[in-house]
Amino acid sequence: VEADNLRGELRNRYSLDVHGSSPEEFIELMANEMFKGDKEAAGTRLLRDYRKGRLGVCALEDPPY
């Protein structure tokens, strides 16, 4: 369920279809659509938005239990 929420937040925030994309594919798509192919800029934006809570509440990894 959390992954679905994150996909929805990504789709709403960046207007990109993330369905079926791996994280690497999403960064590449974001880079091509928003940053003229600059993957570093896309990754920086994504991390900044995550840190500021703009993508909702989500974990980057599952808890270790």
C-alpha atoms as a PDB file:
ATOM      1  CA  VAL A   1       0.000   0.000   0.000  1.00  0.00           C
ATOM      2  CA  GLU A   2       2.814   2.415   0.870  1.00  0.00           C
ATOM      3  CA  ALA A   3       4.402   1.829  -2.553  1.00  0.00           C
ATOM      4  CA  ASP A   4       1.098   2.729  -4.228  1.00  0.00           C
ATOM      5  CA  ASN A   5       0.914   5.945  -2.219  1.00  0.00           C
ATOM      6  CA  LEU A   6       4.466   6.843  -3.215  1.00  0.00           C
ATOM      7  CA  ARG A   7       3.735   6.133  -6.884  1.00  0.00           C
ATOM      8  CA  GLY A   8       0.708   8.407  -6.661  1.00  0.00           C
ATOM      9  CA  GLU A   9       2.735  11.182  -5.039  1.00  0.00           C
ATOM     10  CA  LEU A  10       5.449  10.870  -7.702  1.00  0.00           C
ATOM     11  CA  ARG A  11       2.866  10.940 -10.491  1.00  0.00           C
ATOM     12  CA  ASN A  12       1.130  13.993  -9.011  1.00  0.00           C
ATOM     13  CA  ARG A  13       4.303  15.920  -8.217  1.00  0.00           C
ATOM     14  CA  TYR A  14       6.244  15.298 -11.438  1.00  0.00           C
ATOM     15  CA  SER A  15       3.427  14.451 -13.899  1.00  0.00           C
ATOM     16  CA  LEU A  16       5.249  11.285 -14.931  1.00  0.00           C
ATOM     17  CA  ASP A  17       3.871   7.754 -15.287  1.00  0.00           C
ATOM     18  CA  VAL A  18       5.812   5.608 -12.827  1.00  0.00           C
ATOM     19  CA  HIS A  19       3.787   2.403 -13.275  1.00  0.00           C
ATOM     20  CA  GLY A  20       6.149  -0.510 -13.860  1.00  0.00           C
ATOM     21  CA  SER A  21       9.294   1.622 -13.677  1.00  0.00           C
ATOM     22  CA  SER A  22      12.301   0.586 -11.652  1.00  0.00           C
ATOM     23  CA  PRO A  23      13.912   3.343  -9.568  1.00  0.00           C
ATOM     24  CA  GLU A  24      16.662   3.667 -12.166  1.00  0.00           C
ATOM     25  CA  GLU A  25      14.146   3.918 -15.000  1.00  0.00           C
ATOM     26  CA  PHE A  26      12.183   6.561 -13.106  1.00  0.00           C
ATOM     27  CA  ILE A  27      15.287   8.718 -12.568  1.00  0.00           C
ATOM     28  CA  GLU A  28      16.121   8.380 -16.263  1.00  0.00           C
ATOM     29  CA  LEU A  29      12.556   9.314 -17.254  1.00  0.00           C
ATOM     30  CA  MET A  30      12.555  12.255 -14.874  1.00  0.00           C
ATOM     31  CA  ALA A  31      15.947  13.372 -16.159  1.00  0.00           C
ATOM     32  CA  ASN A  32      14.841  13.202 -19.790  1.00  0.00           C
ATOM     33  CA  GLU A  33      11.511  14.938 -19.219  1.00  0.00           C
ATOM     34  CA  MET A  34      12.542  17.637 -16.761  1.00  0.00           C
ATOM     35  CA  PHE A  35      16.330  18.099 -16.822  1.00  0.00           C
ATOM     36  CA  LYS A  36      17.467  17.583 -20.436  1.00  0.00           C
ATOM     37  CA  GLY A  37      18.855  14.134 -19.573  1.00  0.00           C
ATOM     38  CA  ASP A  38      20.768  15.231 -16.444  1.00  0.00           C
ATOM     39  CA  LYS A  39      20.322  12.270 -14.070  1.00  0.00           C
ATOM     40  CA  GLU A  40      22.255  13.941 -11.275  1.00  0.00           C
ATOM     41  CA  ALA A  41      19.894  16.935 -11.289  1.00  0.00           C
ATOM     42  CA  ALA A  42      16.887  14.594 -11.324  1.00  0.00           C
ATOM     43  CA  GLY A  43      18.251  12.596  -8.396  1.00  0.00           C
ATOM     44  CA  THR A  44      19.056  15.760  -6.474  1.00  0.00           C
ATOM     45  CA  ARG A  45      15.512  17.082  -6.973  1.00  0.00           C
ATOM     46  CA  LEU A  46      13.985  13.769  -5.937  1.00  0.00           C
ATOM     47  CA  LEU A  47      16.080  13.578  -2.758  1.00  0.00           C
ATOM     48  CA  ARG A  48      15.389  17.220  -1.894  1.00  0.00           C
ATOM     49  CA  ASP A  49      11.655  16.711  -2.284  1.00  0.00           C
ATOM     50  CA  TYR A  50      11.822  13.519  -0.194  1.00  0.00           C
ATOM     51  CA  ARG A  51      13.769  15.244   2.584  1.00  0.00           C
ATOM     52  CA  LYS A  52      11.304  18.135   2.689  1.00  0.00           C
ATOM     53  CA  GLY A  53       8.357  15.730   2.943  1.00  0.00           C
ATOM     54  CA  ARG A  54       6.903  16.696  -0.412  1.00  0.00           C
ATOM     55  CA  LEU A  55       6.437  13.032  -1.363  1.00  0.00           C
ATOM     56  CA  GLY A  56       4.414  12.188   1.725  1.00  0.00           C
ATOM     57  CA  VAL A  57       5.515   9.891   4.507  1.00  0.00           C
ATOM     58  CA  CYS A  58       7.435   6.908   3.188  1.00  0.00           C
ATOM     59  CA  ALA A  59      10.508   4.837   4.000  1.00  0.00           C
ATOM     60  CA  LEU A  60      13.273   4.190   1.515  1.00  0.00           C
ATOM     61  CA  GLU A  61      13.821   0.666   2.891  1.00  0.00           C
ATOM     62  CA  ASP A  62      11.755  -1.905   4.729  1.00  0.00           C
ATOM     63  CA  PRO A  63      12.432  -2.111   8.475  1.00  0.00           C
ATOM     64  CA  PRO A  64      14.911  -4.884   9.441  1.00  0.00           C
ATOM     65  CA  TYR A  65      12.570  -7.276  11.238  1.00  0.00           C
END
